[in-house]
Amino acid sequence: FDEVDEALGERLSSLIWEGEIDTLTLTQNAQPALMATSM
């Protein structure tokens, strides 16, 4: 999750763990987020 945050220049991990589902479901967020969780 730290690698993904650094690569994107934002705290995607905060969105994944504490954010709103509507924002996480946005395609540009859901795709890297699901990869991060799988990895």
ModelCIF file with pLDDT and N, C-alpha, C, O atoms, coordinates in Angstrom:
data_MODEL
#
_entry.id   MODEL 
#
_entity.id                         1 
_entity.type                       polymer 
_entity.pdbx_number_of_molecules   1 
#
_entity_poly.entity_id                      1 
_entity_poly.type                           'polypeptide(L)' 
_entity_poly.nstd_linkage                   no 
_entity_poly.nstd_monomer                   no 
_entity_poly.pdbx_seq_one_letter_code       FDEVDEALGERLSSLIWEGEIDTLTLTQNAQPALMATSM 
_entity_poly.pdbx_seq_one_letter_code_can   FDEVDEALGERLSSLIWEGEIDTLTLTQNAQPALMATSM 
_entity_poly.pdbx_strand_id                 A 
#
loop_
_entity_poly_seq.entity_id 
_entity_poly_seq.num 
_entity_poly_seq.mon_id 
_entity_poly_seq.hetero 
1 1  PHE n 
1 2  ASP n 
1 3  GLU n 
1 4  VAL n 
1 5  ASP n 
1 6  GLU n 
1 7  ALA n 
1 8  LEU n 
1 9  GLY n 
1 10 GLU n 
1 11 ARG n 
1 12 LEU n 
1 13 SER n 
1 14 SER n 
1 15 LEU n 
1 16 ILE n 
1 17 TRP n 
1 18 GLU n 
1 19 GLY n 
1 20 GLU n 
1 21 ILE n 
1 22 ASP n 
1 23 THR n 
1 24 LEU n 
1 25 THR n 
1 26 LEU n 
1 27 THR n 
1 28 GLN n 
1 29 ASN n 
1 30 ALA n 
1 31 GLN n 
1 32 PRO n 
1 33 ALA n 
1 34 LEU n 
1 35 MET n 
1 36 ALA n 
1 37 THR n 
1 38 SER n 
1 39 MET n 
#
_struct_asym.id          A 
_struct_asym.entity_id   1 
#
loop_
_ma_qa_metric.id 
_ma_qa_metric.mode 
_ma_qa_metric.name 
_ma_qa_metric.software_group_id 
_ma_qa_metric.type 
1 global pLDDT . pLDDT 
2 local  pLDDT . pLDDT 
#
_ma_qa_metric_global.metric_id      1 
_ma_qa_metric_global.metric_value   96.87 
_ma_qa_metric_global.model_id       1 
_ma_qa_metric_global.ordinal_id     1 
#
loop_
_ma_qa_metric_local.label_asym_id 
_ma_qa_metric_local.label_comp_id 
_ma_qa_metric_local.label_seq_id 
_ma_qa_metric_local.metric_id 
_ma_qa_metric_local.metric_value 
_ma_qa_metric_local.model_id 
_ma_qa_metric_local.ordinal_id 
A PHE 1  2 98.00 1 1  
A ASP 2  2 98.00 1 2  
A GLU 3  2 98.00 1 3  
A VAL 4  2 98.00 1 4  
A ASP 5  2 98.00 1 5  
A GLU 6  2 98.00 1 6  
A ALA 7  2 98.00 1 7  
A LEU 8  2 98.00 1 8  
A GLY 9  2 98.00 1 9  
A GLU 10 2 98.00 1 10 
A ARG 11 2 98.00 1 11 
A LEU 12 2 98.00 1 12 
A SER 13 2 98.00 1 13 
A SER 14 2 98.00 1 14 
A LEU 15 2 98.00 1 15 
A ILE 16 2 98.00 1 16 
A TRP 17 2 98.00 1 17 
A GLU 18 2 97.00 1 18 
A GLY 19 2 97.00 1 19 
A GLU 20 2 97.00 1 20 
A ILE 21 2 95.00 1 21 
A ASP 22 2 93.00 1 22 
A THR 23 2 95.00 1 23 
A LEU 24 2 95.00 1 24 
A THR 25 2 92.00 1 25 
A LEU 26 2 92.00 1 26 
A THR 27 2 93.00 1 27 
A GLN 28 2 95.00 1 28 
A ASN 29 2 96.00 1 29 
A ALA 30 2 95.00 1 30 
A GLN 31 2 96.00 1 31 
A PRO 32 2 98.00 1 32 
A ALA 33 2 98.00 1 33 
A LEU 34 2 98.00 1 34 
A MET 35 2 98.00 1 35 
A ALA 36 2 98.00 1 36 
A THR 37 2 98.00 1 37 
A SER 38 2 98.00 1 38 
A MET 39 2 98.00 1 39 
#
loop_
_atom_site.group_PDB 
_atom_site.id 
_atom_site.type_symbol 
_atom_site.label_atom_id 
_atom_site.label_alt_id 
_atom_site.label_comp_id 
_atom_site.label_asym_id 
_atom_site.label_entity_id 
_atom_site.label_seq_id 
_atom_site.pdbx_PDB_ins_code 
_atom_site.Cartn_x 
_atom_site.Cartn_y 
_atom_site.Cartn_z 
_atom_site.occupancy 
_atom_site.B_iso_or_equiv 
_atom_site.pdbx_formal_charge 
_atom_site.auth_seq_id 
_atom_site.auth_comp_id 
_atom_site.auth_asym_id 
_atom_site.auth_atom_id 
_atom_site.pdbx_PDB_model_num 
ATOM 1   N N  . PHE A 1 1  ? 0.834   -1.206 0.000   1.00 98.00 ? 1  PHE A N  1 
ATOM 2   C CA . PHE A 1 1  ? 0.000   0.000  0.000   1.00 98.00 ? 1  PHE A CA 1 
ATOM 3   C C  . PHE A 1 1  ? 0.869   1.256  0.000   1.00 98.00 ? 1  PHE A C  1 
ATOM 4   O O  . PHE A 1 1  ? 0.524   2.255  -0.632  1.00 98.00 ? 1  PHE A O  1 
ATOM 5   N N  . ASP A 1 2  ? 1.999   1.203  0.712   1.00 98.00 ? 2  ASP A N  1 
ATOM 6   C CA . ASP A 1 2  ? 2.921   2.343  0.692   1.00 98.00 ? 2  ASP A CA 1 
ATOM 7   C C  . ASP A 1 2  ? 3.493   2.560  -0.714  1.00 98.00 ? 2  ASP A C  1 
ATOM 8   O O  . ASP A 1 2  ? 3.627   3.698  -1.163  1.00 98.00 ? 2  ASP A O  1 
ATOM 9   N N  . GLU A 1 3  ? 3.831   1.463  -1.405  1.00 98.00 ? 3  GLU A N  1 
ATOM 10  C CA . GLU A 1 3  ? 4.353   1.567  -2.775  1.00 98.00 ? 3  GLU A CA 1 
ATOM 11  C C  . GLU A 1 3  ? 3.323   2.196  -3.705  1.00 98.00 ? 3  GLU A C  1 
ATOM 12  O O  . GLU A 1 3  ? 3.661   3.040  -4.535  1.00 98.00 ? 3  GLU A O  1 
ATOM 13  N N  . VAL A 1 4  ? 2.080   1.787  -3.566  1.00 98.00 ? 4  VAL A N  1 
ATOM 14  C CA . VAL A 1 4  ? 1.017   2.321  -4.421  1.00 98.00 ? 4  VAL A CA 1 
ATOM 15  C C  . VAL A 1 4  ? 0.776   3.792  -4.115  1.00 98.00 ? 4  VAL A C  1 
ATOM 16  O O  . VAL A 1 4  ? 0.614   4.599  -5.031  1.00 98.00 ? 4  VAL A O  1 
ATOM 17  N N  . ASP A 1 5  ? 0.751   4.147  -2.834  1.00 98.00 ? 5  ASP A N  1 
ATOM 18  C CA . ASP A 1 5  ? 0.586   5.558  -2.453  1.00 98.00 ? 5  ASP A CA 1 
ATOM 19  C C  . ASP A 1 5  ? 1.681   6.418  -3.066  1.00 98.00 ? 5  ASP A C  1 
ATOM 20  O O  . ASP A 1 5  ? 1.411   7.492  -3.603  1.00 98.00 ? 5  ASP A O  1 
ATOM 21  N N  . GLU A 1 6  ? 2.910   5.944  -2.982  1.00 98.00 ? 6  GLU A N  1 
ATOM 22  C CA . GLU A 1 6  ? 4.043   6.704  -3.519  1.00 98.00 ? 6  GLU A CA 1 
ATOM 23  C C  . GLU A 1 6  ? 3.957   6.805  -5.043  1.00 98.00 ? 6  GLU A C  1 
ATOM 24  O O  . GLU A 1 6  ? 4.213   7.865  -5.615  1.00 98.00 ? 6  GLU A O  1 
ATOM 25  N N  . ALA A 1 7  ? 3.602   5.719  -5.683  1.00 98.00 ? 7  ALA A N  1 
ATOM 26  C CA . ALA A 1 7  ? 3.536   5.716  -7.148  1.00 98.00 ? 7  ALA A CA 1 
ATOM 27  C C  . ALA A 1 7  ? 2.481   6.686  -7.669  1.00 98.00 ? 7  ALA A C  1 
ATOM 28  O O  . ALA A 1 7  ? 2.671   7.320  -8.706  1.00 98.00 ? 7  ALA A O  1 
ATOM 29  N N  . LEU A 1 8  ? 1.368   6.798  -6.943  1.00 98.00 ? 8  LEU A N  1 
ATOM 30  C CA . LEU A 1 8  ? 0.271   7.662  -7.388  1.00 98.00 ? 8  LEU A CA 1 
ATOM 31  C C  . LEU A 1 8  ? 0.378   9.077  -6.833  1.00 98.00 ? 8  LEU A C  1 
ATOM 32  O O  . LEU A 1 8  ? -0.331  9.977  -7.282  1.00 98.00 ? 8  LEU A O  1 
ATOM 33  N N  . GLY A 1 9  ? 1.259   9.275  -5.859  1.00 98.00 ? 9  GLY A N  1 
ATOM 34  C CA . GLY A 1 9  ? 1.401   10.597 -5.268  1.00 98.00 ? 9  GLY A CA 1 
ATOM 35  C C  . GLY A 1 9  ? 0.220   11.006 -4.420  1.00 98.00 ? 9  GLY A C  1 
ATOM 36  O O  . GLY A 1 9  ? -0.082  12.194 -4.305  1.00 98.00 ? 9  GLY A O  1 
ATOM 37  N N  . GLU A 1 10 ? -0.456  10.034 -3.821  1.00 98.00 ? 10 GLU A N  1 
ATOM 38  C CA . GLU A 1 10 ? -1.608  10.316 -2.960  1.00 98.00 ? 10 GLU A CA 1 
ATOM 39  C C  . GLU A 1 10 ? -1.823  9.145  -2.011  1.00 98.00 ? 10 GLU A C  1 
ATOM 40  O O  . GLU A 1 10 ? -1.269  8.065  -2.217  1.00 98.00 ? 10 GLU A O  1 
ATOM 41  N N  . ARG A 1 11 ? -2.625  9.355  -0.976  1.00 98.00 ? 11 ARG A N  1 
ATOM 42  C CA . ARG A 1 11 ? -2.876  8.297  -0.007  1.00 98.00 ? 11 ARG A CA 1 
ATOM 43  C C  . ARG A 1 11 ? -4.097  7.477  -0.433  1.00 98.00 ? 11 ARG A C  1 
ATOM 44  O O  . ARG A 1 11 ? -5.169  7.582  0.164   1.00 98.00 ? 11 ARG A O  1 
ATOM 45  N N  . LEU A 1 12 ? -3.920  6.676  -1.452  1.00 98.00 ? 12 LEU A N  1 
ATOM 46  C CA . LEU A 1 12 ? -5.020  5.802  -1.865  1.00 98.00 ? 12 LEU A CA 1 
ATOM 47  C C  . LEU A 1 12 ? -5.385  4.847  -0.733  1.00 98.00 ? 12 LEU A C  1 
ATOM 48  O O  . LEU A 1 12 ? -6.543  4.451  -0.598  1.00 98.00 ? 12 LEU A O  1 
ATOM 49  N N  . SER A 1 13 ? -4.394  4.478  0.081   1.00 98.00 ? 13 SER A N  1 
ATOM 50  C CA . SER A 1 13 ? -4.673  3.569  1.197   1.00 98.00 ? 13 SER A CA 1 
ATOM 51  C C  . SER A 1 13 ? -5.685  4.166  2.166   1.00 98.00 ? 13 SER A C  1 
ATOM 52  O O  . SER A 1 13 ? -6.504  3.432  2.720   1.00 98.00 ? 13 SER A O  1 
ATOM 53  N N  . SER A 1 14 ? -5.651  5.466  2.382   1.00 98.00 ? 14 SER A N  1 
ATOM 54  C CA . SER A 1 14 ? -6.630  6.108  3.272   1.00 98.00 ? 14 SER A CA 1 
ATOM 55  C C  . SER A 1 14 ? -8.032  6.002  2.694   1.00 98.00 ? 14 SER A C  1 
ATOM 56  O O  . SER A 1 14 ? -8.998  5.770  3.422   1.00 98.00 ? 14 SER A O  1 
ATOM 57  N N  . LEU A 1 15 ? -8.138  6.175  1.370   1.00 98.00 ? 15 LEU A N  1 
ATOM 58  C CA . LEU A 1 15 ? -9.438  6.016  0.725   1.00 98.00 ? 15 LEU A CA 1 
ATOM 59  C C  . LEU A 1 15 ? -9.924  4.579  0.855   1.00 98.00 ? 15 LEU A C  1 
ATOM 60  O O  . LEU A 1 15 ? -11.100 4.344  1.134   1.00 98.00 ? 15 LEU A O  1 
ATOM 61  N N  . ILE A 1 16 ? -9.028  3.615  0.655   1.00 98.00 ? 16 ILE A N  1 
ATOM 62  C CA . ILE A 1 16 ? -9.412  2.207  0.718   1.00 98.00 ? 16 ILE A CA 1 
ATOM 63  C C  . ILE A 1 16 ? -9.919  1.846  2.115   1.00 98.00 ? 16 ILE A C  1 
ATOM 64  O O  . ILE A 1 16 ? -10.896 1.109  2.249   1.00 98.00 ? 16 ILE A O  1 
ATOM 65  N N  . TRP A 1 17 ? -9.273  2.352  3.133   1.00 98.00 ? 17 TRP A N  1 
ATOM 66  C CA . TRP A 1 17 ? -9.581  1.914  4.496   1.00 98.00 ? 17 TRP A CA 1 
ATOM 67  C C  . TRP A 1 17 ? -10.572 2.815  5.230   1.00 98.00 ? 17 TRP A C  1 
ATOM 68  O O  . TRP A 1 17 ? -11.276 2.356  6.130   1.00 98.00 ? 17 TRP A O  1 
ATOM 69  N N  . GLU A 1 18 ? -10.630 4.083  4.857   1.00 97.00 ? 18 GLU A N  1 
ATOM 70  C CA . GLU A 1 18 ? -11.439 5.031  5.646   1.00 97.00 ? 18 GLU A CA 1 
ATOM 71  C C  . GLU A 1 18 ? -12.327 5.926  4.799   1.00 97.00 ? 18 GLU A C  1 
ATOM 72  O O  . GLU A 1 18 ? -13.013 6.793  5.339   1.00 97.00 ? 18 GLU A O  1 
ATOM 73  N N  . GLY A 1 19 ? -12.330 5.738  3.485   1.00 97.00 ? 19 GLY A N  1 
ATOM 74  C CA . GLY A 1 19 ? -13.038 6.651  2.606   1.00 97.00 ? 19 GLY A CA 1 
ATOM 75  C C  . GLY A 1 19 ? -14.493 6.290  2.383   1.00 97.00 ? 19 GLY A C  1 
ATOM 76  O O  . GLY A 1 19 ? -15.067 5.474  3.104   1.00 97.00 ? 19 GLY A O  1 
ATOM 77  N N  . GLU A 1 20 ? -15.083 6.918  1.359   1.00 97.00 ? 20 GLU A N  1 
ATOM 78  C CA . GLU A 1 20 ? -16.467 6.668  0.978   1.00 97.00 ? 20 GLU A CA 1 
ATOM 79  C C  . GLU A 1 20 ? -16.485 5.672  -0.179  1.00 97.00 ? 20 GLU A C  1 
ATOM 80  O O  . GLU A 1 20 ? -15.659 5.751  -1.089  1.00 97.00 ? 20 GLU A O  1 
ATOM 81  N N  . ILE A 1 21 ? -17.426 4.742  -0.139  1.00 95.00 ? 21 ILE A N  1 
ATOM 82  C CA . ILE A 1 21 ? -17.472 3.699  -1.159  1.00 95.00 ? 21 ILE A CA 1 
ATOM 83  C C  . ILE A 1 21 ? -17.714 4.285  -2.543  1.00 95.00 ? 21 ILE A C  1 
ATOM 84  O O  . ILE A 1 21 ? -17.202 3.753  -3.528  1.00 95.00 ? 21 ILE A O  1 
ATOM 85  N N  . ASP A 1 22 ? -18.479 5.366  -2.643  1.00 93.00 ? 22 ASP A N  1 
ATOM 86  C CA . ASP A 1 22 ? -18.732 5.961  -3.958  1.00 93.00 ? 22 ASP A CA 1 
ATOM 87  C C  . ASP A 1 22 ? -17.437 6.464  -4.589  1.00 93.00 ? 22 ASP A C  1 
ATOM 88  O O  . ASP A 1 22 ? -17.249 6.365  -5.802  1.00 93.00 ? 22 ASP A O  1 
ATOM 89  N N  . THR A 1 23 ? -16.550 7.003  -3.764  1.00 95.00 ? 23 THR A N  1 
ATOM 90  C CA . THR A 1 23 ? -15.268 7.498  -4.282  1.00 95.00 ? 23 THR A CA 1 
ATOM 91  C C  . THR A 1 23 ? -14.346 6.346  -4.624  1.00 95.00 ? 23 THR A C  1 
ATOM 92  O O  . THR A 1 23 ? -13.655 6.381  -5.642  1.00 95.00 ? 23 THR A O  1 
ATOM 93  N N  . LEU A 1 24 ? -14.330 5.326  -3.781  1.00 95.00 ? 24 LEU A N  1 
ATOM 94  C CA . LEU A 1 24 ? -13.498 4.161  -4.057  1.00 95.00 ? 24 LEU A CA 1 
ATOM 95  C C  . LEU A 1 24 ? -13.951 3.453  -5.333  1.00 95.00 ? 24 LEU A C  1 
ATOM 96  O O  . LEU A 1 24 ? -13.131 2.896  -6.064  1.00 95.00 ? 24 LEU A O  1 
ATOM 97  N N  . THR A 1 25 ? -15.256 3.477  -5.598  1.00 92.00 ? 25 THR A N  1 
ATOM 98  C CA . THR A 1 25 ? -15.809 2.771  -6.747  1.00 92.00 ? 25 THR A CA 1 
ATOM 99  C C  . THR A 1 25 ? -15.514 3.472  -8.066  1.00 92.00 ? 25 THR A C  1 
ATOM 100 O O  . THR A 1 25 ? -15.646 2.856  -9.123  1.00 92.00 ? 25 THR A O  1 
ATOM 101 N N  . LEU A 1 26 ? -15.118 4.745  -8.034  1.00 92.00 ? 26 LEU A N  1 
ATOM 102 C CA . LEU A 1 26 ? -14.717 5.410  -9.266  1.00 92.00 ? 26 LEU A CA 1 
ATOM 103 C C  . LEU A 1 26 ? -13.644 4.565  -9.946  1.00 92.00 ? 26 LEU A C  1 
ATOM 104 O O  . LEU A 1 26 ? -12.707 4.097  -9.298  1.00 92.00 ? 26 LEU A O  1 
ATOM 105 N N  . THR A 1 27 ? -13.787 4.378  -11.235 1.00 93.00 ? 27 THR A N  1 
ATOM 106 C CA . THR A 1 27 ? -12.935 3.439  -11.967 1.00 93.00 ? 27 THR A CA 1 
ATOM 107 C C  . THR A 1 27 ? -11.457 3.698  -11.740 1.00 93.00 ? 27 THR A C  1 
ATOM 108 O O  . THR A 1 27 ? -10.681 2.759  -11.563 1.00 93.00 ? 27 THR A O  1 
ATOM 109 N N  . GLN A 1 28 ? -11.057 4.977  -11.745 1.00 95.00 ? 28 GLN A N  1 
ATOM 110 C CA . GLN A 1 28 ? -9.629  5.298  -11.612 1.00 95.00 ? 28 GLN A CA 1 
ATOM 111 C C  . GLN A 1 28 ? -9.099  4.998  -10.213 1.00 95.00 ? 28 GLN A C  1 
ATOM 112 O O  . GLN A 1 28 ? -7.887  4.894  -10.025 1.00 95.00 ? 28 GLN A O  1 
ATOM 113 N N  . ASN A 1 29 ? -9.992  4.856  -9.224  1.00 96.00 ? 29 ASN A N  1 
ATOM 114 C CA . ASN A 1 29 ? -9.586  4.479  -7.868  1.00 96.00 ? 29 ASN A CA 1 
ATOM 115 C C  . ASN A 1 29 ? -9.709  2.975  -7.635  1.00 96.00 ? 29 ASN A C  1 
ATOM 116 O O  . ASN A 1 29 ? -8.820  2.349  -7.058  1.00 96.00 ? 29 ASN A O  1 
ATOM 117 N N  . ALA A 1 30 ? -10.818 2.409  -8.091  1.00 95.00 ? 30 ALA A N  1 
ATOM 118 C CA . ALA A 1 30 ? -11.070 0.987  -7.827  1.00 95.00 ? 30 ALA A CA 1 
ATOM 119 C C  . ALA A 1 30 ? -9.998  0.099  -8.452  1.00 95.00 ? 30 ALA A C  1 
ATOM 120 O O  . ALA A 1 30 ? -9.590  -0.898 -7.856  1.00 95.00 ? 30 ALA A O  1 
ATOM 121 N N  . GLN A 1 31 ? -9.541  0.459  -9.654  1.00 96.00 ? 31 GLN A N  1 
ATOM 122 C CA . GLN A 1 31 ? -8.607  -0.433 -10.337 1.00 96.00 ? 31 GLN A CA 1 
ATOM 123 C C  . GLN A 1 31 ? -7.262  -0.549 -9.608  1.00 96.00 ? 31 GLN A C  1 
ATOM 124 O O  . GLN A 1 31 ? -6.842  -1.671 -9.326  1.00 96.00 ? 31 GLN A O  1 
ATOM 125 N N  . PRO A 1 32 ? -6.561  0.555  -9.287  1.00 98.00 ? 32 PRO A N  1 
ATOM 126 C CA . PRO A 1 32 ? -5.316  0.387  -8.530  1.00 98.00 ? 32 PRO A CA 1 
ATOM 127 C C  . PRO A 1 32 ? -5.554  -0.127 -7.114  1.00 98.00 ? 32 PRO A C  1 
ATOM 128 O O  . PRO A 1 32 ? -4.700  -0.815 -6.556  1.00 98.00 ? 32 PRO A O  1 
ATOM 129 N N  . ALA A 1 33 ? -6.710  0.199  -6.525  1.00 98.00 ? 33 ALA A N  1 
ATOM 130 C CA . ALA A 1 33 ? -6.995  -0.248 -5.155  1.00 98.00 ? 33 ALA A CA 1 
ATOM 131 C C  . ALA A 1 33 ? -7.144  -1.765 -5.095  1.00 98.00 ? 33 ALA A C  1 
ATOM 132 O O  . ALA A 1 33 ? -6.642  -2.403 -4.170  1.00 98.00 ? 33 ALA A O  1 
ATOM 133 N N  . LEU A 1 34 ? -7.822  -2.336 -6.064  1.00 98.00 ? 34 LEU A N  1 
ATOM 134 C CA . LEU A 1 34 ? -7.999  -3.784 -6.080  1.00 98.00 ? 34 LEU A CA 1 
ATOM 135 C C  . LEU A 1 34 ? -6.678  -4.495 -6.342  1.00 98.00 ? 34 LEU A C  1 
ATOM 136 O O  . LEU A 1 34 ? -6.406  -5.543 -5.756  1.00 98.00 ? 34 LEU A O  1 
ATOM 137 N N  . MET A 1 35 ? -5.854  -3.925 -7.222  1.00 98.00 ? 35 MET A N  1 
ATOM 138 C CA . MET A 1 35 ? -4.525  -4.502 -7.447  1.00 98.00 ? 35 MET A CA 1 
ATOM 139 C C  . MET A 1 35 ? -3.705  -4.465 -6.164  1.00 98.00 ? 35 MET A C  1 
ATOM 140 O O  . MET A 1 35 ? -3.048  -5.447 -5.817  1.00 98.00 ? 35 MET A O  1 
ATOM 141 N N  . ALA A 1 36 ? -3.741  -3.336 -5.457  1.00 98.00 ? 36 ALA A N  1 
ATOM 142 C CA . ALA A 1 36 ? -2.978  -3.211 -4.213  1.00 98.00 ? 36 ALA A CA 1 
ATOM 143 C C  . ALA A 1 36 ? -3.408  -4.262 -3.191  1.00 98.00 ? 36 ALA A C  1 
ATOM 144 O O  . ALA A 1 36 ? -2.570  -4.864 -2.520  1.00 98.00 ? 36 ALA A O  1 
ATOM 145 N N  . THR A 1 37 ? -4.714  -4.475 -3.080  1.00 98.00 ? 37 THR A N  1 
ATOM 146 C CA . THR A 1 37 ? -5.218  -5.453 -2.118  1.00 98.00 ? 37 THR A CA 1 
ATOM 147 C C  . THR A 1 37 ? -4.798  -6.868 -2.502  1.00 98.00 ? 37 THR A C  1 
ATOM 148 O O  . THR A 1 37 ? -4.412  -7.663 -1.645  1.00 98.00 ? 37 THR A O  1 
ATOM 149 N N  . SER A 1 38 ? -4.876  -7.177 -3.794  1.00 98.00 ? 38 SER A N  1 
ATOM 150 C CA . SER A 1 38 ? -4.436  -8.495 -4.248  1.00 98.00 ? 38 SER A CA 1 
ATOM 151 C C  . SER A 1 38 ? -2.953  -8.704 -3.979  1.00 98.00 ? 38 SER A C  1 
ATOM 152 O O  . SER A 1 38 ? -2.545  -9.778 -3.535  1.00 98.00 ? 38 SER A O  1 
ATOM 153 N N  . MET A 1 39 ? -2.143  -7.679 -4.246  1.00 98.00 ? 39 MET A N  1 
ATOM 154 C CA . MET A 1 39 ? -0.709  -7.820 -4.029  1.00 98.00 ? 39 MET A CA 1 
ATOM 155 C C  . MET A 1 39 ? -0.355  -7.863 -2.542  1.00 98.00 ? 39 MET A C  1 
ATOM 156 O O  . MET A 1 39 ? 0.818   -7.979 -2.189  1.00 98.00 ? 39 MET A O  1 
#
